[in-house]
Structure formats: structure tokens, C-alpha cells
Amino acid sequence: MSKDLINVHGEDVVVGEDTAKAFRGVNWAMISIAAFIVIMLVVAVMFFANSGSRGTVQDPRGTQEQQQPSAVR
């Protein structure tokens, strides 16, 4: 069986190849999940910052009446 070297808490440990692959896979999974969470937080902050800077929320009926002038006044 092939041996491989991994670094655990600052110490090099000789383990089997399958154990080393599993160790690296778990590390990459954690990094990928953390990156996904950071990206989602950045997108959420940008969304809320942009939506908060637009001002007041208008009633859709009011905006439609402003765009189409009434024929009968």
C-alpha cells in the first residue's frame, strides 16, 4: 500500500494514500463551503445596500396612475 505525507496541526504524519485523499477532500470541502457562504453574504449585503438606497417604496397603483394620465378630469 502506498504511503503519503499530510500535515496535521503543524506535524507531518505518514498515512495511507486513501486516508490522505480523504483528508485533502475534507479540507477542500470546508474551503468550498466557506467560500460559498462568503460569496452569498457579499451578494446579500450588496442587494440590501442597493435596495435601501432607492428611497421609499411606492404603491404600484400610484405609479401606474402617474404614468397614465386620466382622460376624465
Protein backbone atom coordinates (compact mmCIF):
# COMPACT_ATOMS: atom_id res chain seq x y z
CA MET A 1 0.00 0.00 0.00
CA SER A 2 1.29 3.45 -0.92
CA LYS A 3 2.09 5.92 1.84
CA ASP A 4 1.56 9.67 1.74
CA LEU A 5 2.54 12.58 3.96
CA ILE A 6 -0.05 15.01 5.40
CA ASN A 7 0.34 17.95 7.74
CA VAL A 8 -1.85 17.76 10.86
CA HIS A 9 -1.60 20.61 13.39
CA GLY A 10 1.90 21.50 12.21
CA GLU A 11 3.22 17.92 12.31
CA ASP A 12 3.92 15.76 9.28
CA VAL A 13 2.21 12.38 9.56
CA VAL A 14 2.73 9.37 7.28
CA VAL A 15 -0.62 7.80 6.38
CA GLY A 16 -2.06 5.57 3.68
CA GLU A 17 -2.90 7.06 0.30
CA ASP A 18 -6.65 6.64 0.78
CA THR A 19 -6.52 8.41 4.16
CA ALA A 20 -4.50 11.28 2.64
CA LYS A 21 -7.04 11.66 -0.20
CA ALA A 22 -9.91 11.73 2.30
CA PHE A 23 -8.07 14.31 4.43
CA ARG A 24 -7.49 16.58 1.42
CA GLY A 25 -11.08 16.09 0.27
CA VAL A 26 -12.47 17.20 3.62
CA ASN A 27 -10.20 20.25 3.59
CA TRP A 28 -11.33 21.25 0.09
CA ALA A 29 -14.97 20.71 1.04
CA MET A 30 -14.65 23.03 4.04
CA ILE A 31 -12.89 25.68 1.95
CA SER A 32 -15.58 25.44 -0.76
CA ILE A 33 -18.41 25.77 1.76
CA ALA A 34 -16.73 28.76 3.43
CA ALA A 35 -16.20 30.46 0.04
CA PHE A 36 -19.86 29.88 -0.90
CA ILE A 37 -21.03 31.43 2.38
CA VAL A 38 -18.76 34.46 1.92
CA ILE A 39 -19.97 34.99 -1.65
CA MET A 40 -23.63 34.73 -0.55
CA LEU A 41 -23.02 37.24 2.25
CA VAL A 42 -21.41 39.70 -0.17
CA VAL A 43 -24.33 39.35 -2.61
CA ALA A 44 -26.86 39.81 0.21
CA VAL A 45 -25.10 42.92 1.51
CA MET A 46 -24.96 44.38 -2.00
CA PHE A 47 -28.67 43.63 -2.53
CA PHE A 48 -29.76 45.21 0.75
CA ALA A 49 -27.49 48.22 0.29
CA ASN A 50 -28.86 48.79 -3.20
CA SER A 51 -32.48 48.32 -2.20
CA GLY A 52 -32.08 50.60 0.81
CA SER A 53 -30.63 53.43 -1.27
CA ARG A 54 -33.63 53.68 -3.62
CA GLY A 55 -35.75 55.57 -1.14
CA THR A 56 -39.35 54.91 -0.28
CA VAL A 57 -41.41 52.03 -1.56
CA GLN A 58 -44.20 53.19 -3.82
CA ASP A 59 -47.59 51.61 -4.25
CA PRO A 60 -47.78 50.05 -7.75
CA ARG A 61 -51.24 51.55 -8.30
CA GLY A 62 -49.90 55.03 -7.62
CA THR A 63 -47.05 54.70 -10.10
CA GLN A 64 -49.40 53.38 -12.78
CA GLU A 65 -51.75 56.35 -12.29
CA GLN A 66 -48.84 58.76 -12.55
CA GLN A 67 -47.68 57.25 -15.84
CA GLN A 68 -51.12 57.16 -17.49
CA PRO A 69 -52.98 60.46 -17.16
CA SER A 70 -56.67 60.17 -16.66
CA ALA A 71 -58.85 61.13 -19.67
CA VAL A 72 -61.70 62.33 -17.43
CA ARG A 73 -60.81 65.14 -15.05
